[in-house]
């Protein structure tokens, strides 16, 4: 696996990096293990200072951090700046709340004895992370585990190596000792050997089903705890009593954010037929007005995909859909311009027999379905191997809540697309994975909930 920066706006290589040798990986694990033995002893004030400093550095150098994201994976510069802000917010959140989250839990045994649960660190956590949010994905594992007293080793995506290096340097600049956070430029084929190193105590993955299944299998063989945040094909349900202007505005944002390259993007629009034509017309007009161009130009509203390979894949998947009966209401192909671009697209008439019906479109493509009623909307939303996020639009909040409760996903948002916040648990079910990141739930994934029981009666 070659680690290199290729600007997707031009498809030109900018910089390449050398992968680590097995000996170098072993040396880094040695360093991480030595660091863990000391870091686990640090108090919360020490850990908190590192998190706070990291947040400050990111905010003070927002332009530098954001420009790397835009360079390496094509994110619109305004969105990249938003990712930097979100990353800093997560550092702050765990700095402010980790000590409370990890405080001992007092139990009340029936026998009258004293007992409590401590939350102890467990060791080195190996993380395999994706390219679509190059900093946000890292902070979700770094802030939680470092505040819990663990140390982290990360294999980042091969197309964002400069972001990977920038984050590792950020942690050092913030005062983390060497080995607390380690970036690994390693080939995927070497991940199994790293997992089986006895000093690795947990594995966290954000990525594709294929990557998750492979890594989870190795973690299972090695009896290592794992969490998996994998793909999604989120339903965006619009009921007949919804505010269509709001549904259109949020629908465009929910599908086109990060050029559609988001696990919780609104990928399947499921609309009750009485309002379907009107909403489809609104969505078509909005998508037709998007302007493709340089993601560093703030007037650009449709950036490139992360790579030429990604653009080809989404174009081929769209072509397959059309070949089997789907209709492209707008878009449907690659634009005639340099770079890893794909037209903003709406596909209708997608039947269950279409080979794309159960596929995840990781790009600027809306699958638009019309259903007769609420019951059919729920059934279609649940007819998916994925179960990450979902959305329900209705002006009747009580009704929307009842619908949300029937959606088989880890998250459902009402009257806005699924999104993320430091204080909200993030994760899914079914093929979207298991475990949670962010909030109190996230920091509890890789700690030892140790029971202490006191016999105080002679």
Protein backbone atom coordinates (compact mmCIF):
# COMPACT_ATOMS: atom_id res chain seq x y z
CA UNK A 1 0.00 0.00 0.00
CA UNK A 2 1.55 3.29 -1.13
CA UNK A 3 1.09 6.26 1.17
CA UNK A 4 0.93 9.34 -0.99
CA UNK A 5 -0.81 12.65 -1.43
CA UNK A 6 -2.68 12.93 -4.73
CA UNK A 7 -4.68 16.13 -5.14
CA UNK A 8 -8.11 14.91 -6.36
CA UNK A 9 -8.83 18.30 -7.94
CA UNK A 10 -5.96 17.77 -10.38
CA UNK A 11 -5.27 14.04 -9.94
CA UNK A 12 -1.59 14.94 -9.66
CA UNK A 13 0.72 13.33 -7.12
CA UNK A 14 2.12 15.80 -4.61
CA UNK A 15 4.16 13.73 -2.19
CA UNK A 16 4.86 10.09 -1.34
CA UNK A 17 5.83 8.37 1.88
CA UNK A 18 7.70 5.21 2.80
CA UNK A 19 5.93 2.43 4.68
CA UNK A 20 7.46 1.15 7.91
CA UNK A 21 9.45 -2.07 8.01
CA UNK A 22 8.51 -4.85 10.41
CA UNK A 23 11.47 -3.91 12.59
CA UNK A 24 10.34 -0.28 12.71
CA UNK A 25 6.81 -1.33 13.66
CA UNK A 26 8.15 -3.50 16.46
CA UNK A 27 10.22 -0.59 17.74
CA UNK A 28 7.14 1.64 17.76
CA UNK A 29 5.13 -0.95 19.68
CA UNK A 30 8.03 -1.18 22.17
CA UNK A 31 7.90 2.60 22.56
CA UNK A 32 4.11 2.63 22.95
CA UNK A 33 4.26 -0.12 25.57
CA UNK A 34 6.93 1.71 27.56
CA UNK A 35 4.90 4.90 27.34
CA UNK A 36 1.71 3.13 28.49
CA UNK A 37 3.38 1.89 31.67
CA UNK A 38 3.97 5.52 32.66
CA UNK A 39 0.97 7.22 31.04
CA UNK A 40 -1.50 4.98 32.87
CA UNK A 41 -0.15 6.43 36.15
CA UNK A 42 -0.76 10.06 35.17
CA UNK A 43 -3.55 11.99 36.83
CA UNK A 44 -6.48 13.55 35.03
CA UNK A 45 -5.00 17.02 35.32
CA UNK A 46 -1.97 15.93 33.29
CA UNK A 47 -4.09 14.28 30.63
CA UNK A 48 -6.51 17.20 30.57
CA UNK A 49 -3.69 19.67 29.90
CA UNK A 50 -2.67 17.73 26.78
CA UNK A 51 -6.22 17.65 25.42
CA UNK A 52 -6.76 21.36 26.07
CA UNK A 53 -3.45 22.27 24.43
CA UNK A 54 -4.30 20.15 21.37
CA UNK A 55 -7.66 21.92 21.02
CA UNK A 56 -5.98 25.32 21.27
CA UNK A 57 -3.32 24.46 18.68
CA UNK A 58 -5.94 23.28 16.21
CA UNK A 59 -8.04 26.41 16.54
CA UNK A 60 -5.03 28.71 16.29
CA UNK A 61 -3.80 26.90 13.17
CA UNK A 62 -7.16 26.14 11.57
CA UNK A 63 -6.13 27.26 8.09
CA UNK A 64 -3.08 24.99 8.05
CA UNK A 65 -4.92 21.92 9.28
CA UNK A 66 -7.91 22.51 7.00
CA UNK A 67 -5.85 23.07 3.86
CA UNK A 68 -4.21 19.65 4.26
CA UNK A 69 -7.63 17.99 4.31
CA UNK A 70 -8.70 19.83 1.18
CA UNK A 71 -5.43 19.04 -0.58
CA UNK A 72 -5.47 15.33 0.19
CA UNK A 73 -9.11 14.31 -0.13
CA UNK A 74 -10.86 17.24 -1.78
CA UNK A 75 -13.15 18.39 1.03
CA UNK A 76 -14.55 21.89 0.47
CA UNK A 77 -12.38 24.29 2.47
CA UNK A 78 -15.30 25.54 4.56
CA UNK A 79 -16.20 21.95 5.47
CA UNK A 80 -12.55 21.22 6.28
CA UNK A 81 -12.50 24.20 8.65
CA UNK A 82 -15.66 22.85 10.25
CA UNK A 83 -13.94 19.51 10.79
CA UNK A 84 -11.03 21.23 12.54
CA UNK A 85 -13.47 23.01 14.86
CA UNK A 86 -15.32 19.77 15.61
CA UNK A 87 -12.06 17.98 16.35
CA UNK A 88 -11.04 20.70 18.80
CA UNK A 89 -14.47 20.52 20.44
CA UNK A 90 -14.03 16.78 21.04
CA UNK A 91 -10.64 17.34 22.67
CA UNK A 92 -12.26 19.89 24.97
CA UNK A 93 -15.25 17.68 25.71
CA UNK A 94 -13.19 14.78 27.02
CA UNK A 95 -10.81 17.10 28.85
CA UNK A 96 -13.80 18.52 30.70
CA UNK A 97 -15.78 15.31 31.29
CA UNK A 98 -13.52 12.25 31.36
CA UNK A 99 -12.77 12.36 35.07
CA UNK A 100 -16.46 12.38 35.89
CA UNK A 101 -17.22 9.62 33.38
CA UNK A 102 -14.50 7.38 34.79
CA UNK A 103 -15.20 7.99 38.47
CA UNK A 104 -15.76 4.83 40.54
CA UNK A 105 -19.32 3.54 40.49
CA UNK A 106 -20.63 2.71 43.97
CA UNK A 107 -22.61 -0.54 44.17
CA UNK A 108 -25.04 -1.71 46.84
CA UNK A 109 -24.80 -5.49 47.19
CA UNK A 110 -27.75 -7.22 48.89
CA UNK A 111 -25.41 -8.75 51.46
CA UNK A 112 -24.65 -5.32 52.88
CA UNK A 113 -20.97 -5.36 51.97
CA UNK A 114 -19.21 -2.50 50.20
CA UNK A 115 -18.43 -2.73 46.52
CA UNK A 116 -17.58 -0.44 43.66
CA UNK A 117 -16.44 -0.55 40.04
CA UNK A 118 -13.22 1.14 38.94
CA UNK A 119 -12.60 2.12 35.33
CA UNK A 120 -9.00 1.21 34.57
CA UNK A 121 -6.94 1.52 31.38
CA UNK A 122 -6.11 -1.68 29.52
CA UNK A 123 -3.10 -0.92 27.30
CA UNK A 124 -2.35 -0.16 23.66
CA UNK A 125 -5.36 0.38 21.39
CA UNK A 126 -4.81 -0.19 17.66
CA UNK A 127 -7.03 1.97 15.46
CA UNK A 128 -7.66 1.62 11.73
CA UNK A 129 -9.19 4.83 10.39
CA UNK A 130 -10.62 6.16 7.08
CA UNK A 131 -9.84 9.14 4.88
CA UNK A 132 -13.20 10.93 4.76
CA UNK A 133 -12.75 12.87 8.02
CA UNK A 134 -8.98 12.79 8.51
CA UNK A 135 -8.89 14.49 11.95
CA UNK A 136 -12.35 13.88 13.37
CA UNK A 137 -11.98 10.12 13.02
CA UNK A 138 -8.65 10.26 14.87
CA UNK A 139 -9.81 12.39 17.78
CA UNK A 140 -12.72 10.04 18.44
CA UNK A 141 -10.23 7.33 19.43
CA UNK A 142 -7.39 9.51 20.65
CA UNK A 143 -9.19 11.77 23.12
CA UNK A 144 -11.20 8.96 24.69
CA UNK A 145 -8.36 6.50 25.10
CA UNK A 146 -5.68 8.94 26.18
CA UNK A 147 -7.99 10.38 28.82
CA UNK A 148 -8.73 6.82 29.99
CA UNK A 149 -5.01 6.13 30.42
CA UNK A 150 -4.58 3.98 27.32
CA UNK A 151 -2.18 4.77 24.48
CA UNK A 152 -3.10 4.68 20.80
CA UNK A 153 -1.48 3.42 17.60
CA UNK A 154 -3.20 4.41 14.36
CA UNK A 155 -3.07 3.10 10.81
CA UNK A 156 -4.60 5.97 8.87
CA UNK A 157 -5.83 5.81 5.27
CA UNK A 158 -3.09 5.78 2.65
CA UNK A 159 -4.44 8.82 0.77
CA UNK A 160 -4.21 11.26 3.71
CA UNK A 161 -0.62 10.77 4.96
CA UNK A 162 0.05 14.47 5.58
CA UNK A 163 -3.05 14.71 7.75
CA UNK A 164 -1.87 11.62 9.62
CA UNK A 165 1.54 13.16 10.28
CA UNK A 166 0.01 16.50 11.24
CA UNK A 167 -2.17 14.85 13.89
CA UNK A 168 0.74 12.91 15.38
CA UNK A 169 2.78 16.11 15.54
CA UNK A 170 -0.20 17.88 17.10
CA UNK A 171 -0.22 15.40 19.98
CA UNK A 172 3.52 15.86 20.55
CA UNK A 173 3.19 19.65 20.40
CA UNK A 174 0.36 19.41 22.92
CA UNK A 175 2.65 17.67 25.39
CA UNK A 176 1.84 13.99 24.92
CA UNK A 177 4.94 11.84 25.45
CA UNK A 178 6.36 9.84 22.56
CA UNK A 179 4.43 6.61 22.28
CA UNK A 180 1.16 7.98 23.62
CA UNK A 181 -0.10 8.55 20.09
CA UNK A 182 1.70 6.75 17.25
CA UNK A 183 1.03 7.07 13.52
CA UNK A 184 1.72 3.89 11.56
CA UNK A 185 2.43 3.95 7.84
CA UNK A 186 1.92 0.22 7.37
CA UNK A 187 0.41 -1.98 4.69
CA UNK A 188 -2.99 -3.48 5.48
CA UNK A 189 -1.50 -6.96 5.21
CA UNK A 190 0.60 -6.26 8.31
CA UNK A 191 -2.37 -5.34 10.51
CA UNK A 192 -3.03 -8.95 11.52
CA UNK A 193 0.47 -9.38 12.92
CA UNK A 194 0.15 -6.15 14.90
CA UNK A 195 -3.21 -7.26 16.35
CA UNK A 196 -1.67 -10.53 17.51
CA UNK A 197 1.10 -8.76 19.42
CA UNK A 198 0.28 -9.49 23.05
CA UNK A 199 0.70 -5.84 24.02
CA UNK A 200 -2.17 -4.72 21.81
CA UNK A 201 -5.28 -4.90 23.99
CA UNK A 202 -8.04 -3.47 21.81
CA UNK A 203 -8.87 -2.72 18.19
CA UNK A 204 -11.08 0.07 16.82
CA UNK A 205 -12.03 0.27 13.14
CA UNK A 206 -13.90 2.81 11.07
CA UNK A 207 -14.18 1.77 7.45
CA UNK A 208 -15.83 -0.59 5.00
CA UNK A 209 -17.64 -3.84 5.73
CA UNK A 210 -14.77 -5.74 4.13
CA UNK A 211 -12.13 -4.05 6.26
CA UNK A 212 -14.23 -4.44 9.39
CA UNK A 213 -14.84 -8.14 8.84
CA UNK A 214 -11.15 -8.77 8.23
CA UNK A 215 -9.91 -6.88 11.27
CA UNK A 216 -12.71 -8.14 13.54
CA UNK A 217 -11.83 -11.68 12.55
CA UNK A 218 -8.20 -11.22 13.54
CA UNK A 219 -9.20 -9.49 16.78
CA UNK A 220 -11.50 -12.38 17.59
CA UNK A 221 -8.75 -14.94 16.99
CA UNK A 222 -6.49 -12.98 19.31
CA UNK A 223 -9.26 -12.51 21.92
CA UNK A 224 -8.98 -8.72 21.68
CA UNK A 225 -11.94 -6.40 22.31
CA UNK A 226 -12.98 -4.54 19.15
CA UNK A 227 -15.36 -1.84 18.01
CA UNK A 228 -16.53 -1.42 14.42
CA UNK A 229 -18.03 1.66 12.78
CA UNK A 230 -18.67 0.55 9.23
CA UNK A 231 -20.83 1.55 6.28
CA UNK A 232 -24.32 2.96 6.15
CA UNK A 233 -27.23 3.51 3.78
CA UNK A 234 -29.25 5.90 5.87
CA UNK A 235 -32.92 6.40 5.17
CA UNK A 236 -34.20 9.97 4.92
CA UNK A 237 -37.95 9.55 5.50
CA UNK A 238 -40.28 12.41 4.55
CA UNK A 239 -43.88 12.02 5.69
CA UNK A 240 -46.81 13.84 4.12
CA UNK A 241 -47.04 16.36 6.99
CA UNK A 242 -43.37 17.43 6.71
CA UNK A 243 -42.11 20.94 6.01
CA UNK A 244 -40.86 20.30 2.47
CA UNK A 245 -38.70 23.42 2.27
CA UNK A 246 -36.88 22.31 5.40
CA UNK A 247 -36.70 18.71 4.17
CA UNK A 248 -35.17 19.89 0.89
CA UNK A 249 -32.63 22.16 2.55
CA UNK A 250 -31.53 19.54 5.05
CA UNK A 251 -31.75 16.78 2.47
CA UNK A 252 -29.27 18.50 0.20
CA UNK A 253 -26.92 19.11 3.13
CA UNK A 254 -27.36 15.57 4.44
CA UNK A 255 -26.57 13.99 1.08
CA UNK A 256 -23.98 16.41 -0.29
CA UNK A 257 -21.92 17.13 2.82
CA UNK A 258 -18.37 15.96 2.15
CA UNK A 259 -19.48 15.34 -1.46
CA UNK A 260 -21.63 12.50 -0.18
CA UNK A 261 -18.65 10.63 1.26
CA UNK A 262 -20.02 10.18 4.75
CA UNK A 263 -21.16 7.02 6.49
CA UNK A 264 -24.22 8.82 7.89
CA UNK A 265 -25.10 10.69 4.71
CA UNK A 266 -28.78 10.72 3.70
CA UNK A 267 -28.48 8.10 0.98
CA UNK A 268 -32.01 6.73 0.55
CA UNK A 269 -34.77 9.33 0.33
CA UNK A 270 -38.04 7.59 1.19
CA UNK A 271 -40.93 9.95 0.53
CA UNK A 272 -44.68 9.48 0.92
CA UNK A 273 -46.23 9.71 -2.55
CA UNK A 274 -48.56 12.63 -1.84
CA UNK A 275 -45.55 14.97 -1.51
CA UNK A 276 -42.94 13.04 -3.51
CA UNK A 277 -43.24 14.89 -6.82
CA UNK A 278 -42.98 18.30 -5.17
CA UNK A 279 -39.93 17.36 -3.11
CA UNK A 280 -38.25 15.69 -6.08
CA UNK A 281 -38.66 18.88 -8.11
CA UNK A 282 -37.14 20.96 -5.29
CA UNK A 283 -34.20 18.62 -4.87
CA UNK A 284 -33.56 18.54 -8.62
CA UNK A 285 -33.45 22.33 -8.81
CA UNK A 286 -31.05 22.57 -5.88
CA UNK A 287 -28.66 19.91 -7.18
CA UNK A 288 -28.70 21.45 -10.66
CA UNK A 289 -27.38 24.69 -9.18
CA UNK A 290 -24.34 23.16 -7.51
CA UNK A 291 -21.04 24.45 -8.90
CA UNK A 292 -18.21 21.97 -9.39
CA UNK A 293 -14.71 23.33 -9.04
CA UNK A 294 -11.63 23.91 -6.92
CA UNK A 295 -12.44 22.92 -3.32
CA UNK A 296 -10.12 25.69 -2.10
CA UNK A 297 -12.37 28.25 -3.84
CA UNK A 298 -15.14 29.27 -1.43
CA UNK A 299 -17.58 29.75 -4.31
CA UNK A 300 -17.34 26.03 -5.17
CA UNK A 301 -20.32 24.01 -3.93
CA UNK A 302 -19.45 20.60 -5.39
CA UNK A 303 -15.95 19.35 -4.78
CA UNK A 304 -14.17 16.32 -6.22
CA UNK A 305 -14.38 12.91 -4.66
CA UNK A 306 -11.42 11.71 -2.64
CA UNK A 307 -9.68 10.02 -5.56
CA UNK A 308 -10.01 9.12 -9.22
CA UNK A 309 -10.68 5.54 -8.13
CA UNK A 310 -13.59 6.69 -5.95
CA UNK A 311 -15.05 8.76 -8.78
CA UNK A 312 -14.83 5.84 -11.21
CA UNK A 313 -16.48 3.52 -8.69
CA UNK A 314 -19.47 5.79 -8.04
CA UNK A 315 -19.88 6.44 -11.78
CA UNK A 316 -19.82 2.72 -12.53
CA UNK A 317 -22.34 2.00 -9.77
CA UNK A 318 -24.62 4.73 -11.15
CA UNK A 319 -24.30 3.30 -14.65
CA UNK A 320 -25.22 -0.15 -13.34
CA UNK A 321 -28.31 1.29 -11.68
CA UNK A 322 -29.42 2.97 -14.91
CA UNK A 323 -28.70 -0.14 -16.99
CA UNK A 324 -31.11 -2.06 -14.77
CA UNK A 325 -33.98 0.38 -15.02
CA UNK A 326 -33.19 3.33 -12.75
CA UNK A 327 -33.72 6.84 -14.10
CA UNK A 328 -31.26 9.69 -13.60
CA UNK A 329 -33.52 12.72 -13.01
CA UNK A 330 -30.43 14.89 -12.81
CA UNK A 331 -26.75 14.07 -13.28
CA UNK A 332 -25.79 10.44 -13.73
CA UNK A 333 -22.28 10.66 -15.13
CA UNK A 334 -18.79 12.14 -14.81
CA UNK A 335 -18.57 15.81 -15.86
CA UNK A 336 -16.27 16.80 -18.70
CA UNK A 337 -13.54 18.34 -16.58
CA UNK A 338 -10.23 17.30 -14.98
CA UNK A 339 -10.22 15.88 -11.48
CA UNK A 340 -12.08 13.20 -9.53
CA UNK A 341 -15.54 14.67 -10.11
CA UNK A 342 -18.98 13.07 -10.32
CA UNK A 343 -22.16 14.93 -11.17
CA UNK A 344 -24.69 15.44 -8.38
CA UNK A 345 -27.28 12.80 -9.20
CA UNK A 346 -30.80 11.70 -8.31
CA UNK A 347 -31.84 8.15 -9.22
CA UNK A 348 -35.49 7.07 -9.25
CA UNK A 349 -37.27 3.87 -10.28
CA UNK A 350 -34.86 1.67 -8.35
CA UNK A 351 -36.52 -1.69 -7.88
CA UNK A 352 -35.51 -4.44 -5.51
CA UNK A 353 -34.25 -6.41 -8.49
CA UNK A 354 -31.73 -3.69 -9.33
CA UNK A 355 -28.26 -4.85 -8.22
CA UNK A 356 -27.64 -1.46 -6.54
CA UNK A 357 -30.71 -1.71 -4.29
CA UNK A 358 -28.70 -2.82 -1.25
CA UNK A 359 -25.47 -1.00 -2.15
CA UNK A 360 -24.02 2.02 -0.38
CA UNK A 361 -23.48 4.98 -2.73
CA UNK A 362 -20.43 6.71 -1.22
CA UNK A 363 -20.69 9.87 -3.28
CA UNK A 364 -23.09 12.60 -4.49
CA UNK A 365 -25.96 10.29 -5.52
CA UNK A 366 -29.48 10.29 -4.07
CA UNK A 367 -31.60 7.16 -4.35
CA UNK A 368 -35.17 8.48 -4.36
CA UNK A 369 -38.01 6.12 -3.43
CA UNK A 370 -41.75 6.85 -3.38
CA UNK A 371 -43.94 4.93 -0.92
CA UNK A 372 -47.71 4.98 -0.26
CA UNK A 373 -47.63 5.61 3.47
CA UNK A 374 -45.77 5.65 6.77
CA UNK A 375 -45.89 1.87 7.20
CA UNK A 376 -44.28 1.33 3.82
CA UNK A 377 -41.64 3.95 4.60
CA UNK A 378 -40.62 2.12 7.77
CA UNK A 379 -40.51 -1.23 5.98
CA UNK A 380 -38.30 0.15 3.20
CA UNK A 381 -36.02 1.92 5.65
CA UNK A 382 -35.44 -1.35 7.48
CA UNK A 383 -34.92 -3.35 4.27
CA UNK A 384 -31.17 -2.86 4.42
CA UNK A 385 -28.16 -4.74 5.71
CA UNK A 386 -26.95 -1.47 7.21
CA UNK A 387 -28.18 0.20 10.39
CA UNK A 388 -26.15 3.29 11.18
CA UNK A 389 -28.28 6.45 11.11
CA UNK A 390 -31.58 7.69 9.78
CA UNK A 391 -33.88 10.69 9.58
CA UNK A 392 -37.61 11.28 9.92
CA UNK A 393 -39.23 14.51 8.73
CA UNK A 394 -42.68 15.36 10.10
CA UNK A 395 -44.31 18.39 11.73
CA UNK A 396 -45.90 15.99 14.22
CA UNK A 397 -43.01 15.30 16.60
CA UNK A 398 -44.84 12.61 18.54
CA UNK A 399 -45.56 10.78 15.29
CA UNK A 400 -41.96 11.17 14.16
CA UNK A 401 -40.73 9.73 17.46
CA UNK A 402 -42.93 6.66 17.02
CA UNK A 403 -41.55 6.16 13.52
CA UNK A 404 -37.98 6.67 14.75
CA UNK A 405 -38.48 3.96 17.37
CA UNK A 406 -39.29 1.48 14.61
CA UNK A 407 -36.17 2.17 12.53
CA UNK A 408 -33.46 -0.49 13.00
CA UNK A 409 -30.43 1.78 13.32
CA UNK A 410 -28.07 3.04 15.97
CA UNK A 411 -29.18 6.66 15.54
CA UNK A 412 -32.26 8.48 14.26
CA UNK A 413 -32.56 12.26 13.94
CA UNK A 414 -35.90 14.03 13.62
CA UNK A 415 -36.25 16.98 11.22
CA UNK A 416 -32.55 17.09 10.37
CA UNK A 417 -30.04 14.60 8.95
CA UNK A 418 -27.95 12.33 11.13
CA UNK A 419 -24.86 14.13 12.34
CA UNK A 420 -22.37 14.10 15.17
CA UNK A 421 -21.61 15.95 18.37
CA UNK A 422 -19.08 15.23 21.14
CA UNK A 423 -21.84 14.53 23.65
CA UNK A 424 -23.93 12.17 21.48
CA UNK A 425 -23.12 8.44 21.15
CA UNK A 426 -22.20 7.42 17.60
CA UNK A 427 -22.53 3.90 16.20
CA UNK A 428 -24.77 1.38 14.50
CA UNK A 429 -26.16 -2.14 14.28
CA UNK A 430 -26.28 -4.92 11.69
CA UNK A 431 -23.54 -4.54 9.04
CA UNK A 432 -22.88 -1.00 10.23
CA UNK A 433 -20.91 -2.44 13.11
CA UNK A 434 -20.96 -2.48 16.90
CA UNK A 435 -19.76 -0.40 19.79
CA UNK A 436 -20.04 3.34 20.28
CA UNK A 437 -17.77 6.35 19.99
CA UNK A 438 -18.19 9.82 21.52
CA UNK A 439 -20.19 10.77 24.65
CA UNK A 440 -19.75 8.78 27.85
CA UNK A 441 -20.39 5.59 25.88
CA UNK A 442 -17.28 6.11 23.77
CA UNK A 443 -14.82 6.38 26.63
CA UNK A 444 -16.18 3.19 28.21
CA UNK A 445 -15.37 0.91 25.26
CA UNK A 446 -11.72 0.22 26.14
CA UNK A 447 -11.59 0.32 29.92
CA UNK A 448 -11.54 -2.45 32.49
CA UNK A 449 -14.66 -2.20 34.64
CA UNK A 450 -12.96 -3.68 37.65
CA UNK A 451 -15.10 -4.78 40.59
CA UNK A 452 -13.71 -4.08 44.08
CA UNK A 453 -15.60 -5.94 46.84
CA UNK A 454 -14.90 -5.39 50.52
CA UNK A 455 -15.67 -8.00 53.18
CA UNK A 456 -16.22 -5.81 56.22
CA UNK A 457 -17.93 -8.25 58.54
CA UNK A 458 -15.84 -10.63 60.57
